[in-house]
Protein backbone atom coordinates (compact mmCIF):
# COMPACT_ATOMS: atom_id res chain seq x y z
CA UNK A 1 23.96 147.81 143.62
CA UNK A 2 21.92 149.03 140.62
CA UNK A 3 23.51 152.42 140.73
CA UNK A 4 27.05 150.99 140.88
CA UNK A 5 26.56 148.63 138.10
CA UNK A 6 25.24 151.70 135.98
CA UNK A 7 28.45 154.01 137.20
CA UNK A 8 30.95 151.08 136.15
CA UNK A 9 29.17 150.70 132.69
CA UNK A 10 29.29 154.72 132.68
CA UNK A 11 33.24 154.46 133.05
CA UNK A 12 33.50 151.64 130.71
CA UNK A 13 31.59 153.66 127.91
CA UNK A 14 33.46 156.72 128.67
CA UNK A 15 36.81 155.24 128.66
CA UNK A 16 36.24 153.43 124.96
CA UNK A 17 35.15 156.61 123.78
CA UNK A 18 38.29 158.39 124.75
CA UNK A 19 40.34 155.92 123.46
CA UNK A 20 38.66 155.52 119.94
CA UNK A 21 38.72 159.60 119.84
CA UNK A 22 42.55 159.41 120.49
CA UNK A 23 42.96 156.69 117.94
CA UNK A 24 44.53 154.30 119.92
CA UNK A 25 41.86 151.69 119.21
CA UNK A 26 43.56 149.64 116.52
CA UNK A 27 44.00 145.69 115.59
CA UNK A 28 47.35 144.91 116.40
CA UNK A 29 49.01 142.35 113.98
CA UNK A 30 49.40 138.74 115.31
CA UNK A 31 52.95 138.41 113.87
CA UNK A 32 55.57 140.46 112.09
CA UNK A 33 54.27 141.22 108.38
CA UNK A 34 57.02 139.04 106.50
CA UNK A 35 56.59 136.76 103.93
CA UNK A 36 58.01 133.04 104.53
CA UNK A 37 60.95 133.71 101.92
CA UNK A 38 61.95 136.99 103.38
CA UNK A 39 62.05 135.35 106.46
CA UNK A 40 64.17 132.32 105.31
CA UNK A 41 66.57 134.80 103.50
CA UNK A 42 66.95 137.00 106.68
CA UNK A 43 67.75 133.73 108.57
CA UNK A 44 69.90 132.37 106.14
CA UNK A 45 71.84 135.63 106.38
CA UNK A 46 72.32 135.74 110.09
CA UNK A 47 73.06 132.02 110.20
CA UNK A 48 75.64 133.10 107.71
CA UNK A 49 77.06 135.65 110.06
CA UNK A 50 77.16 133.44 113.12
CA UNK A 51 78.91 130.98 111.11
CA UNK A 52 81.69 133.25 110.29
CA UNK A 53 82.02 134.66 113.33
CA UNK A 54 82.56 131.24 115.05
CA UNK A 55 84.68 130.11 112.80
CA UNK A 56 87.16 133.12 112.60
CA UNK A 57 87.18 134.29 116.09
CA UNK A 58 89.13 131.59 117.78
CA UNK A 59 91.85 132.73 115.57
CA UNK A 60 91.69 136.34 116.85
CA UNK A 61 93.93 137.64 119.51
CA UNK A 62 94.30 140.73 121.84
CA UNK A 63 97.53 142.72 121.83
CA UNK A 64 98.39 144.45 125.18
CA UNK A 65 101.67 146.42 124.84
CA UNK A 66 103.50 148.55 127.40
CA UNK A 67 106.43 151.12 127.19
CA UNK A 68 108.34 152.88 130.01
CA UNK A 69 107.73 156.76 129.80
CA UNK A 70 108.12 159.59 132.01
CA UNK A 71 104.95 159.93 134.07
CA UNK A 72 102.69 162.95 133.70
CA UNK A 73 98.82 163.65 134.73
CA UNK A 74 96.58 161.05 134.84
CA UNK A 75 93.65 161.86 132.03
CA UNK A 76 90.98 160.18 134.05
CA UNK A 77 91.05 162.50 136.69
CA UNK A 78 91.37 161.38 140.57
CA UNK A 79 90.71 157.37 140.20
CA UNK A 80 94.23 155.88 139.49
CA UNK A 81 92.57 152.49 138.67
CA UNK A 82 90.61 153.73 135.91
CA UNK A 83 91.66 152.03 132.59
CA UNK A 84 91.57 153.29 128.93
CA UNK A 85 88.57 152.45 126.79
CA UNK A 86 86.78 150.45 129.97
CA UNK A 87 83.35 150.87 129.61
CA UNK A 88 81.40 152.84 132.52
CA UNK A 89 81.97 156.36 134.19
CA UNK A 90 82.41 155.96 137.83
CA UNK A 91 83.08 159.54 138.35
CA UNK A 92 80.18 161.06 136.22
CA UNK A 93 82.50 162.48 133.73
CA UNK A 94 80.69 164.25 130.94
CA UNK A 95 80.63 161.82 127.66
CA UNK A 96 82.07 164.32 125.39
CA UNK A 97 84.84 165.56 127.72
CA UNK A 98 85.62 161.41 128.28
CA UNK A 99 86.23 161.34 124.36
CA UNK A 100 88.09 164.50 124.36
CA UNK A 101 90.32 162.98 127.03
CA UNK A 102 90.74 159.46 125.53
CA UNK A 103 91.10 160.32 121.79
CA UNK A 104 91.89 164.10 121.72
CA UNK A 105 95.51 165.45 121.36
CA UNK A 106 96.10 165.21 124.55
CA UNK A 107 94.44 161.81 125.08
CA UNK A 108 95.90 158.10 125.26
CA UNK A 109 95.03 157.21 121.91
CA UNK A 110 95.62 159.22 118.94
CA UNK A 111 93.06 160.78 116.45
CA UNK A 112 93.67 157.34 114.25
CA UNK A 113 92.80 154.90 117.50
CA UNK A 114 96.36 153.93 118.24
CA UNK A 115 97.79 153.93 121.62
CA UNK A 116 99.35 157.05 121.95
CA UNK A 117 102.34 156.44 124.31
CA UNK A 118 103.88 159.86 124.75
CA UNK A 119 100.68 160.63 126.30
CA UNK A 120 99.15 157.93 127.82
CA UNK A 121 101.13 157.81 130.80
CA UNK A 122 100.54 156.57 134.59
CA UNK A 123 103.28 155.92 136.95
CA UNK A 124 105.82 156.05 134.29
CA UNK A 125 104.16 153.08 132.32
CA UNK A 126 102.35 153.48 129.19
CA UNK A 127 99.77 150.78 128.12
CA UNK A 128 97.98 150.43 125.09
CA UNK A 129 95.80 147.76 123.10
CA UNK A 130 95.32 146.29 119.84
CA UNK A 131 94.62 143.24 117.82
CA UNK A 132 96.01 140.58 115.71
CA UNK A 133 95.57 137.04 114.48
CA UNK A 134 97.47 133.57 114.26
CA UNK A 135 99.12 133.90 110.88
CA UNK A 136 100.38 130.19 111.13
CA UNK A 137 100.84 127.11 113.31
CA UNK A 138 104.56 128.02 114.24
CA UNK A 139 102.95 130.90 116.96
CA UNK A 140 103.45 133.81 114.64
CA UNK A 141 100.79 136.68 114.78
CA UNK A 142 100.13 139.04 111.94
CA UNK A 143 99.27 142.76 113.36
CA UNK A 144 99.99 146.58 112.66
CA UNK A 145 103.47 148.14 113.03
CA UNK A 146 101.69 150.96 115.13
CA UNK A 147 100.24 148.62 117.83
CA UNK A 148 103.88 147.22 118.87
CA UNK A 149 106.01 149.88 117.63
CA UNK A 150 108.35 150.98 120.52
CA UNK A 151 106.66 148.60 123.14
CA UNK A 152 109.05 147.21 125.90
CA UNK A 153 106.51 144.24 126.83
CA UNK A 154 103.99 142.64 124.50
CA UNK A 155 101.41 140.22 125.96
CA UNK A 156 98.68 138.20 124.02
CA UNK A 157 95.57 137.06 124.83
CA UNK A 158 93.87 134.51 122.85
CA UNK A 159 90.00 133.84 122.58
CA UNK A 160 90.28 131.30 125.83
CA UNK A 161 91.63 133.86 127.92
CA UNK A 162 95.42 132.25 127.79
CA UNK A 163 97.62 135.24 128.18
CA UNK A 164 101.35 134.59 126.33
CA UNK A 165 104.54 136.82 126.24
CA UNK A 166 105.22 137.75 122.67
CA UNK A 167 108.41 139.02 120.98
CA UNK A 168 108.62 141.03 117.62
CA UNK A 169 109.97 138.92 114.86
CA UNK A 170 110.09 141.92 112.34
CA UNK A 171 108.20 145.22 111.11
CA UNK A 172 107.58 147.34 108.17
CA UNK A 173 106.71 150.72 109.06
CA UNK A 174 106.25 151.81 105.58
CA UNK A 175 103.26 149.63 105.40
CA UNK A 176 102.21 149.19 108.71
CA UNK A 177 102.73 145.58 109.08
CA UNK A 178 104.51 143.66 111.93
CA UNK A 179 104.65 139.99 112.84
CA UNK A 180 105.28 138.93 116.56
CA UNK A 181 105.57 135.42 118.03
CA UNK A 182 104.22 133.35 120.86
CA UNK A 183 105.96 129.88 122.42
CA UNK A 184 102.71 128.13 121.68
CA UNK A 185 101.41 126.14 118.67
CA UNK A 186 97.86 125.21 120.14
CA UNK A 187 96.15 128.11 118.10
CA UNK A 188 94.73 127.39 114.55
CA UNK A 189 95.79 129.83 111.75
CA UNK A 190 93.47 131.96 110.29
CA UNK A 191 92.68 130.93 106.77
CA UNK A 192 93.69 133.57 104.29
CA UNK A 193 91.85 134.67 101.32
CA UNK A 194 92.70 136.84 98.07
CA UNK A 195 92.22 140.28 98.48
CA UNK A 196 92.38 140.95 94.63
CA UNK A 197 89.68 139.15 93.81
CA UNK A 198 87.50 141.54 96.31
CA UNK A 199 84.44 143.34 95.06
CA UNK A 200 82.96 146.77 95.87
CA UNK A 201 79.66 145.72 97.94
CA UNK A 202 80.81 142.68 99.14
CA UNK A 203 80.04 141.60 102.74
CA UNK A 204 82.70 141.67 105.13
CA UNK A 205 83.33 141.27 109.22
CA UNK A 206 85.94 142.82 111.17
CA UNK A 207 86.88 141.24 114.46
CA UNK A 208 88.90 142.80 117.21
CA UNK A 209 89.38 144.58 120.36
CA UNK A 210 87.76 147.78 120.21
CA UNK A 211 87.85 149.93 123.56
CA UNK A 212 89.29 146.62 125.19
CA UNK A 213 86.22 144.85 124.48
CA UNK A 214 87.84 141.55 123.38
CA UNK A 215 86.42 139.32 120.67
CA UNK A 216 84.17 141.99 119.10
CA UNK A 217 82.56 141.44 115.81
CA UNK A 218 81.13 144.08 113.24
CA UNK A 219 79.90 143.76 109.84
CA UNK A 220 79.49 145.59 106.55
CA UNK A 221 80.44 146.03 103.13
CA UNK A 222 83.79 146.85 100.97
CA UNK A 223 83.20 150.57 100.37
CA UNK A 224 86.02 150.90 97.95
CA UNK A 225 89.55 149.08 96.90
CA UNK A 226 92.85 150.71 95.96
CA UNK A 227 92.49 153.70 98.11
CA UNK A 228 95.99 155.18 97.96
CA UNK A 229 95.60 158.87 98.54
CA UNK A 230 94.40 158.52 102.26
CA UNK A 231 97.45 160.15 103.37
CA UNK A 232 97.10 158.38 106.92
CA UNK A 233 100.03 159.63 109.38
CA UNK A 234 102.01 157.35 111.83
CA UNK A 235 104.07 159.13 113.98
CA UNK A 236 104.11 162.44 111.99
CA UNK A 237 104.94 160.44 108.45
CA UNK A 238 102.63 159.26 105.95
CA UNK A 239 102.59 155.57 104.93
CA UNK A 240 104.95 155.13 101.88
CA UNK A 241 102.61 152.40 100.43
CA UNK A 242 98.88 152.82 100.48
CA UNK A 243 96.58 150.59 98.86
CA UNK A 244 93.78 150.33 101.22
CA UNK A 245 90.57 148.68 101.30
CA UNK A 246 87.75 150.82 102.76
CA UNK A 247 84.77 149.16 104.73
CA UNK A 248 82.24 150.72 106.66
CA UNK A 249 82.12 147.79 109.15
CA UNK A 250 82.54 149.42 112.39
CA UNK A 251 86.31 149.77 113.31
CA UNK A 252 87.16 151.72 116.57
CA UNK A 253 90.12 152.45 118.66
CA UNK A 254 91.77 149.05 119.46
CA UNK A 255 90.72 147.22 116.28
CA UNK A 256 93.97 147.94 114.86
CA UNK A 257 95.56 144.92 113.73
CA UNK A 258 92.69 142.82 113.49
CA UNK A 259 91.32 140.80 110.52
CA UNK A 260 88.80 141.71 107.94
CA UNK A 261 87.35 138.66 106.79
CA UNK A 262 84.93 137.73 103.78
CA UNK A 263 81.64 135.46 104.11
CA UNK A 264 83.78 132.25 103.78
CA UNK A 265 85.50 133.43 106.92
CA UNK A 266 88.85 134.12 105.19
CA UNK A 267 91.23 136.92 106.00
CA UNK A 268 91.24 139.46 103.36
CA UNK A 269 92.51 142.56 105.12
CA UNK A 270 94.27 143.83 108.37
CA UNK A 271 92.44 146.71 109.90
CA UNK A 272 94.95 149.56 110.08
CA UNK A 273 92.90 152.88 110.55
CA UNK A 274 89.94 154.95 110.63
CA UNK A 275 88.73 158.43 109.38
CA UNK A 276 89.19 160.88 112.35
CA UNK A 277 88.07 164.15 113.62
CA UNK A 278 90.72 165.53 110.78
CA UNK A 279 88.48 164.11 108.13
CA UNK A 280 84.86 163.54 108.74
CA UNK A 281 84.12 165.03 112.20
CA UNK A 282 84.45 162.04 114.67
CA UNK A 283 86.29 161.98 117.51
CA UNK A 284 88.87 158.63 117.36
CA UNK A 285 86.05 156.46 116.68
CA UNK A 286 83.95 154.88 114.09
CA UNK A 287 82.42 157.06 111.31
CA UNK A 288 81.84 154.50 108.51
CA UNK A 289 85.07 154.88 107.25
CA UNK A 290 87.63 152.35 107.71
CA UNK A 291 90.71 151.32 105.96
CA UNK A 292 92.32 147.76 106.03
CA UNK A 293 95.54 146.44 104.26
CA UNK A 294 94.92 143.85 101.73
CA UNK A 295 95.89 140.48 103.12
CA UNK A 296 97.83 139.82 99.32
CA UNK A 297 100.21 142.77 100.26
CA UNK A 298 100.58 141.86 103.74
CA UNK A 299 101.34 138.05 103.57
CA UNK A 300 104.10 139.14 101.24
CA UNK A 301 105.55 141.03 104.04
CA UNK A 302 104.84 138.75 106.52
CA UNK A 303 106.74 135.98 104.80
CA UNK A 304 109.36 137.98 104.54
CA UNK A 305 109.47 139.22 107.61
CA UNK A 306 109.28 135.84 109.15
CA UNK A 307 112.18 134.57 107.02
CA UNK A 308 114.82 137.40 107.19
CA UNK A 309 113.43 140.04 109.93
CA UNK A 310 113.24 142.70 107.38
CA UNK A 311 111.62 143.49 103.93
CA UNK A 312 113.81 143.63 100.82
CA UNK A 313 111.66 145.49 98.69
CA UNK A 314 111.87 144.74 94.41
CA UNK A 315 111.30 146.44 91.36
CA UNK A 316 110.84 145.99 87.81
CA UNK A 317 112.76 148.91 86.52
CA UNK A 318 109.64 150.64 84.40
CA UNK A 319 108.02 153.97 84.43
CA UNK A 320 104.28 153.59 84.16
CA UNK A 321 101.14 155.76 83.85
CA UNK A 322 97.58 155.15 83.77
CA UNK A 323 95.48 153.46 81.13
CA UNK A 324 92.81 155.34 79.57
CA UNK A 325 90.19 154.11 77.02
CA UNK A 326 91.71 156.39 74.36
CA UNK A 327 95.19 155.20 75.04
CA UNK A 328 94.56 151.32 75.27
CA UNK A 329 92.61 151.64 71.70
CA UNK A 330 95.83 153.46 70.40
CA UNK A 331 98.00 150.51 71.61
CA UNK A 332 95.61 148.11 69.95
CA UNK A 333 93.74 146.95 72.98
CA UNK A 334 90.06 147.06 73.88
CA UNK A 335 88.62 150.28 74.84
CA UNK A 336 87.79 148.37 78.39
CA UNK A 337 91.39 146.86 79.05
CA UNK A 338 92.47 147.29 82.53
CA UNK A 339 96.00 147.72 83.32
CA UNK A 340 98.69 150.06 83.27
CA UNK A 341 100.64 151.36 80.51
CA UNK A 342 104.62 151.25 80.33
CA UNK A 343 106.15 154.43 79.35
CA UNK A 344 109.58 153.54 79.58
CA UNK A 345 111.98 150.69 80.42
CA UNK A 346 115.16 151.11 82.10
CA UNK A 347 118.39 149.58 80.36
CA UNK A 348 119.76 146.53 82.45
CA UNK A 349 116.48 146.31 84.25
CA UNK A 350 114.42 143.12 85.20
CA UNK A 351 111.90 144.40 82.87
CA UNK A 352 114.46 144.71 80.17
CA UNK A 353 115.86 141.55 80.69
CA UNK A 354 112.51 140.10 80.57
CA UNK A 355 111.78 141.77 77.28
CA UNK A 356 109.11 144.48 78.03
CA UNK A 357 108.99 147.23 75.72
CA UNK A 358 107.58 150.82 75.92
CA UNK A 359 103.90 150.89 75.04
CA UNK A 360 103.17 147.39 76.76
CA UNK A 361 100.15 147.36 78.91
CA UNK A 362 100.71 145.24 81.96
CA UNK A 363 97.78 143.56 83.28
CA UNK A 364 98.82 140.93 85.62
CA UNK A 365 101.81 140.44 88.27
CA UNK A 366 101.49 136.84 89.41
CA UNK A 367 97.71 136.20 90.09
CA UNK A 368 97.15 139.90 90.89
CA UNK A 369 95.44 142.15 88.24
CA UNK A 370 97.32 145.32 87.63
CA UNK A 371 94.48 148.04 88.69
CA UNK A 372 95.97 151.12 89.17
CA UNK A 373 99.47 152.68 88.99
CA UNK A 374 99.87 153.02 92.67
CA UNK A 375 98.40 149.43 93.95
CA UNK A 376 100.65 147.85 90.99
CA UNK A 377 103.84 149.41 92.29
CA UNK A 378 103.03 148.81 95.79
CA UNK A 379 102.47 144.92 95.14
CA UNK A 380 105.38 144.48 93.09
CA UNK A 381 107.54 146.47 95.79
CA UNK A 382 106.43 144.04 98.29
CA UNK A 383 106.73 141.05 96.50
CA UNK A 384 109.67 138.49 96.86
CA UNK A 385 113.09 139.42 95.00
CA UNK A 386 114.62 135.35 95.56
CA UNK A 387 111.81 133.83 92.93
CA UNK A 388 110.60 134.30 89.50
CA UNK A 389 107.13 136.02 89.24
CA UNK A 390 105.12 135.92 85.68
CA UNK A 391 104.10 139.03 84.13
CA UNK A 392 100.98 138.94 81.80
CA UNK A 393 100.68 141.94 79.42
CA UNK A 394 99.21 143.23 76.08
CA UNK A 395 101.31 144.15 73.15
CA UNK A 396 99.60 145.59 70.17
CA UNK A 397 96.44 143.77 71.33
CA UNK A 398 97.78 140.31 72.02
CA UNK A 399 98.09 138.82 75.51
CA UNK A 400 102.13 137.74 76.50
CA UNK A 401 103.68 136.52 79.26
CA UNK A 402 107.10 137.28 80.66
CA UNK A 403 109.11 135.48 83.54
CA UNK A 404 110.68 138.13 85.75
CA UNK A 405 112.86 138.13 88.58
CA UNK A 406 112.87 141.50 90.88
CA UNK A 407 115.94 143.11 91.66
CA UNK A 408 116.55 145.13 94.87
CA UNK A 409 114.45 148.51 94.34
CA UNK A 410 117.61 150.43 95.81
CA UNK A 411 119.66 149.04 92.81
CA UNK A 412 116.93 149.58 90.15
CA UNK A 413 116.44 153.26 91.65
CA UNK A 414 119.83 154.16 91.86
CA UNK A 415 120.71 153.49 87.97
CA UNK A 416 117.43 155.24 87.22
CA UNK A 417 118.45 158.27 89.06
CA UNK A 418 122.07 158.30 87.93
CA UNK A 419 120.77 157.75 84.22
CA UNK A 420 118.78 160.80 84.99
CA UNK A 421 120.88 163.19 87.07
CA UNK A 422 124.27 162.67 84.85
CA UNK A 423 122.09 164.96 82.13
CA UNK A 424 122.50 168.49 82.89
CA UNK A 425 119.46 170.80 84.04
CA UNK A 426 117.22 172.48 81.53
CA UNK A 427 117.76 176.38 81.58
CA UNK A 428 115.78 178.64 79.15
CA UNK A 429 113.67 177.32 76.49
CA UNK A 430 115.75 177.77 73.24
CA UNK A 431 115.10 179.79 69.99
CA UNK A 432 113.49 177.52 67.31
CA UNK A 433 115.24 177.00 64.29
CA UNK A 434 112.96 178.81 61.98
CA UNK A 435 114.77 176.97 58.67
CA UNK A 436 113.63 173.68 59.84
CA UNK A 437 110.17 174.10 61.25
CA UNK A 438 107.17 171.85 59.80
CA UNK A 439 103.76 172.36 60.20
CA UNK A 440 101.05 169.80 61.25
CA UNK A 441 98.40 171.84 60.59
CA UNK A 442 95.35 169.24 61.28
CA UNK A 443 96.67 168.66 64.68
CA UNK A 444 97.64 172.61 65.50
CA UNK A 445 101.35 171.68 65.89
CA UNK A 446 104.50 173.24 64.51
CA UNK A 447 107.75 171.16 65.08
CA UNK A 448 111.34 171.44 64.75
CA UNK A 449 114.42 169.01 64.97
CA UNK A 450 115.68 167.89 68.25
CA UNK A 451 119.22 168.92 67.75
CA UNK A 452 122.22 168.08 70.25
CA UNK A 453 122.26 171.40 71.50
CA UNK A 454 118.84 171.29 72.24
CA UNK A 455 118.59 168.14 73.79
CA UNK A 456 121.28 168.81 76.04
CA UNK A 457 119.65 172.19 77.08
CA UNK A 458 116.61 170.24 78.09
CA UNK A 459 118.92 167.75 80.12
CA UNK A 460 117.92 165.23 77.62
CA UNK A 461 120.86 163.27 75.76
CA UNK A 462 122.70 164.59 73.39
CA UNK A 463 122.19 161.90 70.88
CA UNK A 464 118.83 161.62 71.30
CA UNK A 465 116.45 161.90 68.38
CA UNK A 466 113.06 163.63 68.00
CA UNK A 467 111.48 167.11 67.44
CA UNK A 468 110.57 169.95 69.53
CA UNK A 469 107.16 171.76 69.82
CA UNK A 470 107.87 175.24 68.44
CA UNK A 471 103.92 176.42 68.20
CA UNK A 472 100.78 174.84 69.40
CA UNK A 473 97.67 177.05 67.91
CA UNK A 474 95.26 178.16 69.92
CA UNK A 475 92.00 176.16 70.02
CA UNK A 476 93.43 173.10 68.75
CA UNK A 477 93.29 169.45 69.80
CA UNK A 478 97.11 169.83 70.75
CA UNK A 479 96.70 172.54 73.03
CA UNK A 480 93.54 170.81 74.59
CA UNK A 481 96.02 167.97 75.28
CA UNK A 482 98.25 170.45 77.10
CA UNK A 483 100.82 170.25 74.82
CA UNK A 484 102.92 173.29 74.37
CA UNK A 485 106.27 174.89 72.88
CA UNK A 486 109.44 173.51 74.12
CA UNK A 487 108.29 169.86 74.66
CA UNK A 488 110.58 167.17 73.21
CA UNK A 489 108.61 164.73 71.36
CA UNK A 490 110.85 161.40 70.69
CA UNK A 491 108.19 158.73 69.58
CA UNK A 492 105.01 158.49 67.66
CA UNK A 493 102.68 155.49 67.63
CA UNK A 494 101.81 154.05 64.65
CA UNK A 495 100.19 150.53 63.96
CA UNK A 496 99.46 149.96 67.73
CA UNK A 497 103.38 150.43 68.86
CA UNK A 498 105.83 153.42 69.50
CA UNK A 499 108.06 154.31 66.72
CA UNK A 500 111.29 156.36 67.46
CA UNK A 501 110.89 159.80 65.58
CA UNK A 502 114.07 160.68 63.48
CA UNK A 503 113.10 163.86 61.63
CA UNK A 504 110.49 166.70 61.59
CA UNK A 505 109.69 165.55 58.06
CA UNK A 506 109.05 161.61 59.03
CA UNK A 507 106.86 162.98 61.84
CA UNK A 508 104.86 165.16 59.29
CA UNK A 509 104.40 162.10 56.97
CA UNK A 510 103.22 159.80 59.77
CA UNK A 511 100.95 162.67 60.81
CA UNK A 512 99.56 163.16 57.33
CA UNK A 513 98.31 159.68 57.08
CA UNK A 514 96.31 159.68 60.79
CA UNK A 515 93.25 160.80 62.18
CA UNK A 516 94.49 160.52 65.54
CA UNK A 517 98.03 161.25 67.03
CA UNK A 518 99.57 159.78 70.08
CA UNK A 519 102.88 160.93 71.21
CA UNK A 520 105.34 160.59 73.80
CA UNK A 521 106.63 163.38 75.36
CA UNK A 522 110.54 163.21 76.81
CA UNK A 523 111.51 165.19 79.58
CA UNK A 524 114.54 165.12 81.69
CA UNK A 525 112.85 163.04 84.63
CA UNK A 526 111.20 160.87 82.25
CA UNK A 527 108.24 161.02 80.24
CA UNK A 528 104.44 160.02 79.21
CA UNK A 529 102.21 159.32 76.40
CA UNK A 530 99.85 162.09 75.62
CA UNK A 531 96.11 160.98 75.29
CA UNK A 532 95.55 160.45 71.51
CA UNK A 533 95.15 164.05 69.45
CA UNK A 534 92.36 164.20 66.96
CA UNK A 535 93.01 165.77 63.73
CA UNK A 536 90.70 168.83 63.05
CA UNK A 537 89.79 168.55 59.26
CA UNK A 538 88.94 171.47 57.07
């Protein structure tokens, strides 16, 4: 008995020594080391996410579409009952192989995650799944065009499991927006926010049906705004009007058409696309870069589709260029002013009728700020043409407003095209008239009169007044700003406003009094203001 006691004591001491030597004897914390304040903040954020999810999910739907196609191989192998996107792998297929079969070039989903009807073919029926949300109390549902495009059958599944057939009300492939309708008014419409008020870094939530996992919620932030150079392909063509919200909320195949909401549960965008293998190395699934259509633009389109079944695009009839701090100062605005610069107003256009002039800085269309040229153009193009809109702009630093009624883009653009194409094309650069040259030494320029013959050779109206650059001295401010011989200058900014040039002598007089020169360069295809050129004294 004594020996047993001694033995047990030895075992205990040996074990303690081993544990101690291995560094495993540590005092375990009694509770997570959080302050009461940090726990309160974390719980508040968690409660906020829960509240937003509970608020918006009843308005989110799953959209299942079918299309008849010619039968071809089943990408799931021998199991004819396998369904695309369902979790699990009954055949023990390698995960990478599954991804390639589902989202590779021959899979049932395209690289952007949309149903690939031409390749998902089981027994002559192609099936795909997307998302959407209840748009109004009349049964209209907003989604992506690529979710329902070409579908022979559409079934909408609501949050409570009810399934209803739907029909297409109208689509707009150029913006990837579509409206479908069910015969039910039992479901509440999602509340709409203002995408124009979004800020980079703001918390957002994406809700949808990724991989057919209905009512899935993911969160993230607004990563960027006004993405207009993404170049997303839809059926081999790029979207005509890109102005995406970029987010890192997880968006996967099947999320398309679902809402992106703010922390008040209001829809601020329609989830539309994801970065893919062609861009960031993933195979058709989330890589932290997703894109959503701003709800301001989408709701304008949806209202038109519901009313007329199609979109009538409008136009102002102006040519625009980005507003730089230097250009803002040249036209009398604060260097920090945001907007787009009017470089030309087409005769007889809605802008001309509203009194806009060359050199005006557009800062807002209705309540939507003019952030950049593409987003402003897109928002105007997707706005109603049957009502009056308010334009806010700066002229010589003063805030002004104008009422404008858009006209069909086809009409306005046709007038502009006719105006340009009735001019002859420019051929060789004309020889300078040596007897009419004027030196602007401080700016490194030499100019001559824009004669009717020169104007005609440049494809410009022969009665256009101005000057032609005959020489640009190397290493001068003019060369640095891209001016070169053969360019026609028709206007110069004086006292914060564009002024038409009538002769080289007048130009010389105006330039001689200035430390900075802002000119308007005219070509047969339009024109633009050149960044202010600083005089090089001495």
